């Protein structure tokens, strides 16, 4: 019977995290869809003007900054990270940084 409270607690944490207001916007790069993701994120960022934006292995810096600038998003909100070398590290390289900054819930 000890297992039941643990399962309920873990389940509660997951549900709570799902319903928490996101604390940042996270974009994971991808070879073919990263441009679309960045344009979509620029539009989303306008709807959430207080959220910082983290981009992991996105488009080249100049292009990314142009997309957000053209959309009217303050470039000070952007954090661009190019450490990832594959799909797994695309997320894991930035997850620790977000966690260290107390960010537990993101739009992605």
PDB file of N, CA and C in Angstrom:
ATOM      1  N   UNK A   1       0.804  -1.206   0.000  1.00  0.00           N
ATOM      2  CA  UNK A   1       0.000   0.000   0.000  1.00  0.00           C
ATOM      3  C   UNK A   1       0.845   1.269   0.000  1.00  0.00           C
ATOM      4  N   UNK A   2       2.116   1.184   0.267  1.00  0.00           N
ATOM      5  CA  UNK A   2       2.981   2.357   0.238  1.00  0.00           C
ATOM      6  C   UNK A   2       3.115   2.878  -1.189  1.00  0.00           C
ATOM      7  N   UNK A   3       3.030   2.000  -2.157  1.00  0.00           N
ATOM      8  CA  UNK A   3       3.186   2.378  -3.557  1.00  0.00           C
ATOM      9  C   UNK A   3       2.091   3.326  -4.026  1.00  0.00           C
ATOM     10  N   UNK A   4       0.877   3.144  -3.562  1.00  0.00           N
ATOM     11  CA  UNK A   4      -0.245   3.966  -4.004  1.00  0.00           C
ATOM     12  C   UNK A   4      -0.019   5.457  -3.745  1.00  0.00           C
ATOM     13  N   UNK A   5       0.361   5.886  -2.543  1.00  0.00           N
ATOM     14  CA  UNK A   5       0.592   7.322  -2.353  1.00  0.00           C
ATOM     15  C   UNK A   5       1.713   7.854  -3.237  1.00  0.00           C
ATOM     16  N   UNK A   6       2.739   7.066  -3.476  1.00  0.00           N
ATOM     17  CA  UNK A   6       3.832   7.512  -4.336  1.00  0.00           C
ATOM     18  C   UNK A   6       3.323   7.710  -5.757  1.00  0.00           C
ATOM     19  N   UNK A   7       2.553   6.756  -6.259  1.00  0.00           N
ATOM     20  CA  UNK A   7       1.993   6.873  -7.607  1.00  0.00           C
ATOM     21  C   UNK A   7       1.081   8.088  -7.696  1.00  0.00           C
ATOM     22  N   UNK A   8       0.233   8.301  -6.680  1.00  0.00           N
ATOM     23  CA  UNK A   8      -0.655   9.457  -6.682  1.00  0.00           C
ATOM     24  C   UNK A   8       0.133  10.750  -6.640  1.00  0.00           C
ATOM     25  N   UNK A   9       1.200  10.791  -5.828  1.00  0.00           N
ATOM     26  CA  UNK A   9       2.019  11.996  -5.737  1.00  0.00           C
ATOM     27  C   UNK A   9       2.689  12.298  -7.065  1.00  0.00           C
ATOM     28  N   UNK A  10       3.272  11.284  -7.704  1.00  0.00           N
ATOM     29  CA  UNK A  10       3.912  11.472  -9.009  1.00  0.00           C
ATOM     30  C   UNK A  10       2.878  11.916 -10.023  1.00  0.00           C
ATOM     31  N   UNK A  11       1.706  11.280 -10.008  1.00  0.00           N
ATOM     32  CA  UNK A  11       0.634  11.672 -10.910  1.00  0.00           C
ATOM     33  C   UNK A  11       0.195  13.110 -10.673  1.00  0.00           C
ATOM     34  N   UNK A  12       0.104  13.520  -9.428  1.00  0.00           N
ATOM     35  CA  UNK A  12      -0.281  14.889  -9.095  1.00  0.00           C
ATOM     36  C   UNK A  12       0.752  15.879  -9.612  1.00  0.00           C
ATOM     37  N   UNK A  13       2.024  15.547  -9.454  1.00  0.00           N
ATOM     38  CA  UNK A  13       3.083  16.443  -9.945  1.00  0.00           C
ATOM     39  C   UNK A  13       2.969  16.633 -11.437  1.00  0.00           C
ATOM     40  N   UNK A  14       2.704  15.556 -12.172  1.00  0.00           N
ATOM     41  CA  UNK A  14       2.594  15.650 -13.621  1.00  0.00           C
ATOM     42  C   UNK A  14       1.388  16.495 -14.018  1.00  0.00           C
ATOM     43  N   UNK A  15       0.267  16.289 -13.357  1.00  0.00           N
ATOM     44  CA  UNK A  15      -0.931  17.072 -13.660  1.00  0.00           C
ATOM     45  C   UNK A  15      -0.701  18.526 -13.308  1.00  0.00           C
ATOM     46  N   UNK A  16      -0.097  18.776 -12.162  1.00  0.00           N
ATOM     47  CA  UNK A  16       0.175  20.148 -11.743  1.00  0.00           C
ATOM     48  C   UNK A  16       1.088  20.838 -12.754  1.00  0.00           C
ATOM     49  N   UNK A  17       2.138  20.164 -13.197  1.00  0.00           N
ATOM     50  CA  UNK A  17       3.060  20.740 -14.171  1.00  0.00           C
ATOM     51  C   UNK A  17       2.349  21.032 -15.486  1.00  0.00           C
ATOM     52  N   UNK A  18       1.412  20.173 -15.853  1.00  0.00           N
ATOM     53  CA  UNK A  18       0.680  20.358 -17.101  1.00  0.00           C
ATOM     54  C   UNK A  18      -0.160  21.629 -17.058  1.00  0.00           C
ATOM     55  N   UNK A  19      -0.738  21.933 -15.896  1.00  0.00           N
ATOM     56  CA  UNK A  19      -1.624  23.078 -15.780  1.00  0.00           C
ATOM     57  C   UNK A  19      -0.921  24.352 -15.307  1.00  0.00           C
ATOM     58  N   UNK A  20       0.350  24.284 -14.983  1.00  0.00           N
ATOM     59  CA  UNK A  20       1.072  25.477 -14.563  1.00  0.00           C
ATOM     60  C   UNK A  20       1.253  26.415 -15.739  1.00  0.00           C
ATOM     61  N   UNK A  21       1.232  27.699 -15.449  1.00  0.00           N
ATOM     62  CA  UNK A  21       1.505  28.693 -16.479  1.00  0.00           C
ATOM     63  C   UNK A  21       2.980  28.567 -16.884  1.00  0.00           C
ATOM     64  N   UNK A  22       3.255  28.423 -18.167  1.00  0.00           N
ATOM     65  CA  UNK A  22       4.652  28.306 -18.611  1.00  0.00           C
ATOM     66  C   UNK A  22       5.469  29.526 -18.210  1.00  0.00           C
ATOM     67  N   UNK A  23       6.744  29.275 -17.927  1.00  0.00           N
ATOM     68  CA  UNK A  23       7.646  30.321 -17.485  1.00  0.00           C
ATOM     69  C   UNK A  23       8.600  30.753 -18.590  1.00  0.00           C
ATOM     70  N   UNK A  24       8.552  30.084 -19.726  1.00  0.00           N
ATOM     71  CA  UNK A  24       9.428  30.411 -20.855  1.00  0.00           C
ATOM     72  C   UNK A  24       8.863  29.760 -22.107  1.00  0.00           C
ATOM     73  N   UNK A  25       9.436  30.158 -23.235  1.00  0.00           N
ATOM     74  CA  UNK A  25       9.116  29.527 -24.515  1.00  0.00           C
ATOM     75  C   UNK A  25      10.388  28.833 -24.976  1.00  0.00           C
ATOM     76  N   UNK A  26      10.268  27.565 -25.352  1.00  0.00           N
ATOM     77  CA  UNK A  26      11.421  26.770 -25.786  1.00  0.00           C
ATOM     78  C   UNK A  26      11.199  26.292 -27.211  1.00  0.00           C
ATOM     79  N   UNK A  27      12.195  26.516 -28.049  1.00  0.00           N
ATOM     80  CA  UNK A  27      12.149  26.048 -29.430  1.00  0.00           C
ATOM     81  C   UNK A  27      13.305  25.084 -29.632  1.00  0.00           C
ATOM     82  N   UNK A  28      12.971  23.868 -30.045  1.00  0.00           N
ATOM     83  CA  UNK A  28      14.001  22.885 -30.362  1.00  0.00           C
ATOM     84  C   UNK A  28      14.211  22.895 -31.868  1.00  0.00           C
ATOM     85  N   UNK A  29      15.455  23.083 -32.279  1.00  0.00           N
ATOM     86  CA  UNK A  29      15.764  23.150 -33.703  1.00  0.00           C
ATOM     87  C   UNK A  29      15.517  21.832 -34.397  1.00  0.00           C
ATOM     88  N   UNK A  30      15.373  21.910 -35.675  1.00  0.00           N
ATOM     89  CA  UNK A  30      15.184  20.742 -36.525  1.00  0.00           C
ATOM     90  C   UNK A  30      15.540  21.166 -37.928  1.00  0.00           C
ATOM     91  N   UNK A  31      16.164  20.310 -38.670  1.00  0.00           N
ATOM     92  CA  UNK A  31      16.725  20.725 -39.955  1.00  0.00           C
ATOM     93  C   UNK A  31      15.699  21.329 -40.898  1.00  0.00           C
ATOM     94  N   UNK A  32      14.531  20.728 -41.044  1.00  0.00           N
ATOM     95  CA  UNK A  32      13.578  21.234 -42.029  1.00  0.00           C
ATOM     96  C   UNK A  32      12.520  22.140 -41.438  1.00  0.00           C
ATOM     97  N   UNK A  33      12.197  21.975 -40.191  1.00  0.00           N
ATOM     98  CA  UNK A  33      11.073  22.730 -39.639  1.00  0.00           C
ATOM     99  C   UNK A  33      11.487  23.877 -38.726  1.00  0.00           C
ATOM    100  N   UNK A  34      12.769  24.083 -38.515  1.00  0.00           N
ATOM    101  CA  UNK A  34      13.179  25.108 -37.553  1.00  0.00           C
ATOM    102  C   UNK A  34      12.744  26.500 -37.980  1.00  0.00           C
ATOM    103  N   UNK A  35      12.729  26.781 -39.285  1.00  0.00           N
ATOM    104  CA  UNK A  35      12.313  28.107 -39.746  1.00  0.00           C
ATOM    105  C   UNK A  35      10.850  28.355 -39.409  1.00  0.00           C
ATOM    106  N   UNK A  36      10.014  27.368 -39.654  1.00  0.00           N
ATOM    107  CA  UNK A  36       8.594  27.490 -39.320  1.00  0.00           C
ATOM    108  C   UNK A  36       8.405  27.615 -37.814  1.00  0.00           C
ATOM    109  N   UNK A  37       9.173  26.870 -37.055  1.00  0.00           N
ATOM    110  CA  UNK A  37       9.062  26.917 -35.591  1.00  0.00           C
ATOM    111  C   UNK A  37       9.422  28.304 -35.073  1.00  0.00           C
ATOM    112  N   UNK A  38      10.461  28.893 -35.643  1.00  0.00           N
ATOM    113  CA  UNK A  38      10.889  30.204 -35.167  1.00  0.00           C
ATOM    114  C   UNK A  38       9.869  31.278 -35.539  1.00  0.00           C
ATOM    115  N   UNK A  39       9.294  31.209 -36.718  1.00  0.00           N
ATOM    116  CA  UNK A  39       8.250  32.173 -37.102  1.00  0.00           C
ATOM    117  C   UNK A  39       7.025  32.025 -36.188  1.00  0.00           C
ATOM    118  N   UNK A  40       6.609  30.779 -35.954  1.00  0.00           N
ATOM    119  CA  UNK A  40       5.471  30.530 -35.063  1.00  0.00           C
ATOM    120  C   UNK A  40       5.774  31.054 -33.666  1.00  0.00           C
ATOM    121  N   UNK A  41       6.983  30.815 -33.190  1.00  0.00           N
ATOM    122  CA  UNK A  41       7.368  31.247 -31.847  1.00  0.00           C
ATOM    123  C   UNK A  41       7.375  32.760 -31.731  1.00  0.00           C
ATOM    124  N   UNK A  42       7.792  33.443 -32.780  1.00  0.00           N
ATOM    125  CA  UNK A  42       7.774  34.908 -32.761  1.00  0.00           C
ATOM    126  C   UNK A  42       6.342  35.410 -32.569  1.00  0.00           C
ATOM    127  N   UNK A  43       5.388  34.790 -33.232  1.00  0.00           N
ATOM    128  CA  UNK A  43       3.980  35.168 -33.062  1.00  0.00           C
ATOM    129  C   UNK A  43       3.492  34.838 -31.649  1.00  0.00           C
ATOM    130  N   UNK A  44       3.864  33.657 -31.149  1.00  0.00           N
ATOM    131  CA  UNK A  44       3.485  33.262 -29.793  1.00  0.00           C
ATOM    132  C   UNK A  44       4.087  34.218 -28.766  1.00  0.00           C
ATOM    133  N   UNK A  45       5.314  34.648 -29.010  1.00  0.00           N
ATOM    134  CA  UNK A  45       6.002  35.544 -28.079  1.00  0.00           C
ATOM    135  C   UNK A  45       5.273  36.875 -27.937  1.00  0.00           C
ATOM    136  N   UNK A  46       4.633  37.318 -28.997  1.00  0.00           N
ATOM    137  CA  UNK A  46       3.869  38.566 -28.916  1.00  0.00           C
ATOM    138  C   UNK A  46       2.663  38.425 -28.006  1.00  0.00           C
ATOM    139  N   UNK A  47       2.125  37.219 -27.912  1.00  0.00           N
ATOM    140  CA  UNK A  47       0.989  36.966 -27.044  1.00  0.00           C
ATOM    141  C   UNK A  47       1.409  36.781 -25.584  1.00  0.00           C
ATOM    142  N   UNK A  48       2.681  36.518 -25.384  1.00  0.00           N
ATOM    143  CA  UNK A  48       3.230  36.294 -24.035  1.00  0.00           C
ATOM    144  C   UNK A  48       4.484  37.150 -23.866  1.00  0.00           C
ATOM    145  N   UNK A  49       4.306  38.458 -23.776  1.00  0.00           N
ATOM    146  CA  UNK A  49       5.439  39.385 -23.820  1.00  0.00           C
ATOM    147  C   UNK A  49       6.398  39.335 -22.636  1.00  0.00           C
ATOM    148  N   UNK A  50       6.049  38.627 -21.593  1.00  0.00           N
ATOM    149  CA  UNK A  50       6.942  38.572 -20.422  1.00  0.00           C
ATOM    150  C   UNK A  50       7.798  37.308 -20.382  1.00  0.00           C
ATOM    151  N   UNK A  51       7.540  36.375 -21.280  1.00  0.00           N
ATOM    152  CA  UNK A  51       8.265  35.111 -21.237  1.00  0.00           C
ATOM    153  C   UNK A  51       9.578  35.198 -22.002  1.00  0.00           C
ATOM    154  N   UNK A  52      10.655  34.696 -21.387  1.00  0.00           N
ATOM    155  CA  UNK A  52      11.911  34.597 -22.132  1.00  0.00           C
ATOM    156  C   UNK A  52      11.790  33.496 -23.189  1.00  0.00           C
ATOM    157  N   UNK A  53      12.608  33.597 -24.218  1.00  0.00           N
ATOM    158  CA  UNK A  53      12.566  32.648 -25.332  1.00  0.00           C
ATOM    159  C   UNK A  53      13.925  31.964 -25.435  1.00  0.00           C
ATOM    160  N   UNK A  54      13.908  30.635 -25.400  1.00  0.00           N
ATOM    161  CA  UNK A  54      15.120  29.836 -25.507  1.00  0.00           C
ATOM    162  C   UNK A  54      15.058  29.048 -26.810  1.00  0.00           C
ATOM    163  N   UNK A  55      16.094  29.144 -27.607  1.00  0.00           N
ATOM    164  CA  UNK A  55      16.139  28.408 -28.866  1.00  0.00           C
ATOM    165  C   UNK A  55      17.372  27.525 -28.861  1.00  0.00           C
ATOM    166  N   UNK A  56      17.141  26.233 -28.986  1.00  0.00           N
ATOM    167  CA  UNK A  56      18.227  25.255 -28.995  1.00  0.00           C
ATOM    168  C   UNK A  56      18.488  24.801 -30.427  1.00  0.00           C
ATOM    169  N   UNK A  57      19.681  25.088 -30.908  1.00  0.00           N
ATOM    170  CA  UNK A  57      20.132  24.689 -32.246  1.00  0.00           C
ATOM    171  C   UNK A  57      19.140  25.069 -33.334  1.00  0.00           C
ATOM    172  N   UNK A  58      18.820  26.344 -33.347  1.00  0.00           N
ATOM    173  CA  UNK A  58      17.918  26.856 -34.362  1.00  0.00           C
ATOM    174  C   UNK A  58      18.682  27.321 -35.588  1.00  0.00           C
ATOM    175  N   UNK A  59      18.080  28.245 -36.277  1.00  0.00           N
ATOM    176  CA  UNK A  59      18.683  28.827 -37.480  1.00  0.00           C
ATOM    177  C   UNK A  59      19.903  29.647 -37.079  1.00  0.00           C
ATOM    178  N   UNK A  60      20.711  30.050 -38.060  1.00  0.00           N
ATOM    179  CA  UNK A  60      21.846  30.936 -37.744  1.00  0.00           C
ATOM    180  C   UNK A  60      21.364  32.198 -37.021  1.00  0.00           C
ATOM    181  N   UNK A  61      22.199  32.698 -36.132  1.00  0.00           N
ATOM    182  CA  UNK A  61      21.856  33.831 -35.258  1.00  0.00           C
ATOM    183  C   UNK A  61      21.241  35.003 -36.034  1.00  0.00           C
ATOM    184  N   UNK A  62      21.869  35.429 -37.121  1.00  0.00           N
ATOM    185  CA  UNK A  62      21.373  36.587 -37.867  1.00  0.00           C
ATOM    186  C   UNK A  62      19.948  36.373 -38.361  1.00  0.00           C
ATOM    187  N   UNK A  63      19.678  35.173 -38.884  1.00  0.00           N
ATOM    188  CA  UNK A  63      18.337  34.884 -39.392  1.00  0.00           C
ATOM    189  C   UNK A  63      17.322  34.871 -38.252  1.00  0.00           C
ATOM    190  N   UNK A  64      17.653  34.186 -37.184  1.00  0.00           N
ATOM    191  CA  UNK A  64      16.743  34.094 -36.040  1.00  0.00           C
ATOM    192  C   UNK A  64      16.422  35.479 -35.498  1.00  0.00           C
ATOM    193  N   UNK A  65      17.441  36.282 -35.320  1.00  0.00           N
ATOM    194  CA  UNK A  65      17.217  37.628 -34.792  1.00  0.00           C
ATOM    195  C   UNK A  65      16.358  38.453 -35.747  1.00  0.00           C
ATOM    196  N   UNK A  66      16.529  38.266 -37.037  1.00  0.00           N
ATOM    197  CA  UNK A  66      15.735  39.000 -38.016  1.00  0.00           C
ATOM    198  C   UNK A  66      14.255  38.602 -37.932  1.00  0.00           C
ATOM    199  N   UNK A  67      14.001  37.291 -37.793  1.00  0.00           N
ATOM    200  CA  UNK A  67      12.617  36.806 -37.679  1.00  0.00           C
ATOM    201  C   UNK A  67      11.926  37.449 -36.482  1.00  0.00           C
ATOM    202  N   UNK A  68      12.587  37.452 -35.342  1.00  0.00           N
ATOM    203  CA  UNK A  68      11.979  37.993 -34.131  1.00  0.00           C
ATOM    204  C   UNK A  68      11.885  39.514 -34.183  1.00  0.00           C
ATOM    205  N   UNK A  69      12.893  40.149 -34.729  1.00  0.00           N
ATOM    206  CA  UNK A  69      12.873  41.595 -34.874  1.00  0.00           C
ATOM    207  C   UNK A  69      11.746  42.039 -35.805  1.00  0.00           C
ATOM    208  N   UNK A  70      11.602  41.367 -36.940  1.00  0.00           N
ATOM    209  CA  UNK A  70      10.523  41.689 -37.888  1.00  0.00           C
ATOM    210  C   UNK A  70       9.148  41.526 -37.250  1.00  0.00           C
ATOM    211  N   UNK A  71       9.029  40.580 -36.335  1.00  0.00           N
ATOM    212  CA  UNK A  71       7.750  40.343 -35.651  1.00  0.00           C
ATOM    213  C   UNK A  71       7.504  41.352 -34.527  1.00  0.00           C
ATOM    214  N   UNK A  72       8.523  42.125 -34.176  1.00  0.00           N
ATOM    215  CA  UNK A  72       8.368  43.100 -33.105  1.00  0.00           C
ATOM    216  C   UNK A  72       8.699  42.564 -31.727  1.00  0.00           C
ATOM    217  N   UNK A  73       9.442  41.473 -31.669  1.00  0.00           N
ATOM    218  CA  UNK A  73       9.835  40.868 -30.395  1.00  0.00           C
ATOM    219  C   UNK A  73      11.188  41.445 -29.971  1.00  0.00           C
ATOM    220  N   UNK A  74      11.273  41.879 -28.727  1.00  0.00           N
ATOM    221  CA  UNK A  74      12.522  42.418 -28.187  1.00  0.00           C
ATOM    222  C   UNK A  74      13.585  41.325 -28.179  1.00  0.00           C
ATOM    223  N   UNK A  75      14.705  41.580 -28.822  1.00  0.00           N
ATOM    224  CA  UNK A  75      15.760  40.566 -28.928  1.00  0.00           C
ATOM    225  C   UNK A  75      16.417  40.253 -27.589  1.00  0.00           C
ATOM    226  N   UNK A  76      16.227  41.097 -26.595  1.00  0.00           N
ATOM    227  CA  UNK A  76      16.761  40.809 -25.256  1.00  0.00           C
ATOM    228  C   UNK A  76      16.091  39.598 -24.632  1.00  0.00           C
ATOM    229  N   UNK A  77      14.950  39.202 -25.156  1.00  0.00           N
ATOM    230  CA  UNK A  77      14.230  38.026 -24.638  1.00  0.00           C
ATOM    231  C   UNK A  77      14.835  36.726 -25.147  1.00  0.00           C
ATOM    232  N   UNK A  78      15.648  36.788 -26.191  1.00  0.00           N
ATOM    233  CA  UNK A  78      16.175  35.580 -26.830  1.00  0.00           C
ATOM    234  C   UNK A  78      17.432  35.064 -26.158  1.00  0.00           C
ATOM    235  N   UNK A  79      17.471  33.754 -25.971  1.00  0.00           N
ATOM    236  CA  UNK A  79      18.701  33.059 -25.605  1.00  0.00           C
ATOM    237  C   UNK A  79      18.891  31.985 -26.664  1.00  0.00           C
ATOM    238  N   UNK A  80      19.968  32.099 -27.419  1.00  0.00           N
ATOM    239  CA  UNK A  80      20.249  31.145 -28.492  1.00  0.00           C
ATOM    240  C   UNK A  80      21.354  30.211 -28.036  1.00  0.00           C
ATOM    241  N   UNK A  81      21.107  28.923 -28.158  1.00  0.00           N
ATOM    242  CA  UNK A  81      22.044  27.896 -27.702  1.00  0.00           C
ATOM    243  C   UNK A  81      22.329  26.950 -28.862  1.00  0.00           C
ATOM    244  N   UNK A  82      23.592  26.800 -29.204  1.00  0.00           N
ATOM    245  CA  UNK A  82      23.964  25.961 -30.347  1.00  0.00           C
ATOM    246  C   UNK A  82      24.820  24.758 -29.939  1.00  0.00           C
ATOM    247  N   UNK A  83      24.644  24.265 -28.709  1.00  0.00           N
ATOM    248  CA  UNK A  83      25.432  23.140 -28.218  1.00  0.00           C
ATOM    249  C   UNK A  83      24.979  21.788 -28.750  1.00  0.00           C
ATOM    250  N   UNK A  84      23.710  21.666 -29.086  1.00  0.00           N
ATOM    251  CA  UNK A  84      23.143  20.360 -29.456  1.00  0.00           C
ATOM    252  C   UNK A  84      23.740  19.843 -30.767  1.00  0.00           C
ATOM    253  N   UNK A  85      23.921  18.525 -30.790  1.00  0.00           N
ATOM    254  CA  UNK A  85      24.452  17.885 -31.999  1.00  0.00           C
ATOM    255  C   UNK A  85      23.480  16.854 -32.574  1.00  0.00           C
ATOM    256  N   UNK A  86      22.408  16.556 -31.826  1.00  0.00           N
ATOM    257  CA  UNK A  86      21.414  15.590 -32.293  1.00  0.00           C
ATOM    258  C   UNK A  86      20.105  15.844 -31.546  1.00  0.00           C
ATOM    259  N   UNK A  87      19.109  15.037 -31.827  1.00  0.00           N
ATOM    260  CA  UNK A  87      17.782  15.237 -31.239  1.00  0.00           C
ATOM    261  C   UNK A  87      17.806  15.175 -29.717  1.00  0.00           C
ATOM    262  N   UNK A  88      18.507  14.212 -29.166  1.00  0.00           N
ATOM    263  CA  UNK A  88      18.542  14.062 -27.709  1.00  0.00           C
ATOM    264  C   UNK A  88      19.225  15.261 -27.064  1.00  0.00           C
ATOM    265  N   UNK A  89      20.392  15.626 -27.552  1.00  0.00           N
ATOM    266  CA  UNK A  89      21.099  16.751 -26.927  1.00  0.00           C
ATOM    267  C   UNK A  89      20.420  18.083 -27.228  1.00  0.00           C
ATOM    268  N   UNK A  90      19.573  18.108 -28.245  1.00  0.00           N
ATOM    269  CA  UNK A  90      18.831  19.322 -28.531  1.00  0.00           C
ATOM    270  C   UNK A  90      18.032  19.744 -27.303  1.00  0.00           C
ATOM    271  N   UNK A  91      17.457  18.790 -26.618  1.00  0.00           N
ATOM    272  CA  UNK A  91      16.692  19.090 -25.405  1.00  0.00           C
ATOM    273  C   UNK A  91      17.573  19.069 -24.164  1.00  0.00           C
ATOM    274  N   UNK A  92      18.403  18.043 -24.026  1.00  0.00           N
ATOM    275  CA  UNK A  92      19.130  17.863 -22.771  1.00  0.00           C
ATOM    276  C   UNK A  92      20.147  18.962 -22.503  1.00  0.00           C
ATOM    277  N   UNK A  93      20.722  19.556 -23.534  1.00  0.00           N
ATOM    278  CA  UNK A  93      21.715  20.606 -23.289  1.00  0.00           C
ATOM    279  C   UNK A  93      21.094  21.843 -22.674  1.00  0.00           C
ATOM    280  N   UNK A  94      19.843  22.078 -22.962  1.00  0.00           N
ATOM    281  CA  UNK A  94      19.202  23.285 -22.450  1.00  0.00           C
ATOM    282  C   UNK A  94      18.358  23.014 -21.201  1.00  0.00           C
ATOM    283  N   UNK A  95      17.962  21.764 -20.993  1.00  0.00           N
ATOM    284  CA  UNK A  95      17.112  21.426 -19.849  1.00  0.00           C
ATOM    285  C   UNK A  95      17.792  21.769 -18.527  1.00  0.00           C
ATOM    286  N   UNK A  96      19.067  21.468 -18.388  1.00  0.00           N
ATOM    287  CA  UNK A  96      19.771  21.779 -17.139  1.00  0.00           C
ATOM    288  C   UNK A  96      19.814  23.283 -16.889  1.00  0.00           C
ATOM    289  N   UNK A  97      20.052  24.051 -17.935  1.00  0.00           N
ATOM    290  CA  UNK A  97      20.101  25.508 -17.796  1.00  0.00           C
ATOM    291  C   UNK A  97      18.746  26.051 -17.356  1.00  0.00           C
ATOM    292  N   UNK A  98      17.676  25.558 -17.978  1.00  0.00           N
ATOM    293  CA  UNK A  98      16.338  26.004 -17.588  1.00  0.00           C
ATOM    294  C   UNK A  98      16.060  25.643 -16.134  1.00  0.00           C
ATOM    295  N   UNK A  99      16.403  24.429 -15.756  1.00  0.00           N
ATOM    296  CA  UNK A  99      16.177  23.966 -14.381  1.00  0.00           C
ATOM    297  C   UNK A  99      16.954  24.841 -13.395  1.00  0.00           C
ATOM    298  N   UNK A 100      18.198  25.178 -13.727  1.00  0.00           N
ATOM    299  CA  UNK A 100      19.014  26.012 -12.840  1.00  0.00           C
ATOM    300  C   UNK A 100      18.400  27.392 -12.641  1.00  0.00           C
ATOM    301  N   UNK A 101      17.674  27.850 -13.614  1.00  0.00           N
ATOM    302  CA  UNK A 101      17.022  29.165 -13.522  1.00  0.00           C
ATOM    303  C   UNK A 101      15.610  29.086 -12.945  1.00  0.00           C
ATOM    304  N   UNK A 102      15.248  27.893 -12.483  1.00  0.00           N
ATOM    305  CA  UNK A 102      13.947  27.718 -11.840  1.00  0.00           C
ATOM    306  C   UNK A 102      12.789  27.582 -12.811  1.00  0.00           C
ATOM    307  N   UNK A 103      13.083  27.381 -14.081  1.00  0.00           N
ATOM    308  CA  UNK A 103      12.032  27.236 -15.083  1.00  0.00           C
ATOM    309  C   UNK A 103      11.625  25.768 -15.140  1.00  0.00           C
ATOM    310  N   UNK A 104      10.372  25.500 -14.779  1.00  0.00           N
ATOM    311  CA  UNK A 104       9.875  24.125 -14.719  1.00  0.00           C
ATOM    312  C   UNK A 104       8.820  23.841 -15.775  1.00  0.00           C
ATOM    313  N   UNK A 105       8.269  24.877 -16.369  1.00  0.00           N
ATOM    314  CA  UNK A 105       7.195  24.686 -17.329  1.00  0.00           C
ATOM    315  C   UNK A 105       7.432  25.615 -18.516  1.00  0.00           C
ATOM    316  N   UNK A 106       7.372  25.069 -19.731  1.00  0.00           N
ATOM    317  CA  UNK A 106       7.630  25.854 -20.936  1.00  0.00           C
ATOM    318  C   UNK A 106       6.593  25.581 -22.012  1.00  0.00           C
ATOM    319  N   UNK A 107       6.404  26.560 -22.876  1.00  0.00           N
ATOM    320  CA  UNK A 107       5.728  26.311 -24.140  1.00  0.00           C
ATOM    321  C   UNK A 107       6.792  25.759 -25.056  1.00  0.00           C
ATOM    322  N   UNK A 108       6.469  24.694 -25.809  1.00  0.00           N
ATOM    323  CA  UNK A 108       7.421  24.175 -26.797  1.00  0.00           C
ATOM    324  C   UNK A 108       6.703  23.535 -27.925  1.00  0.00           C
TER     325      UNK A 108
END
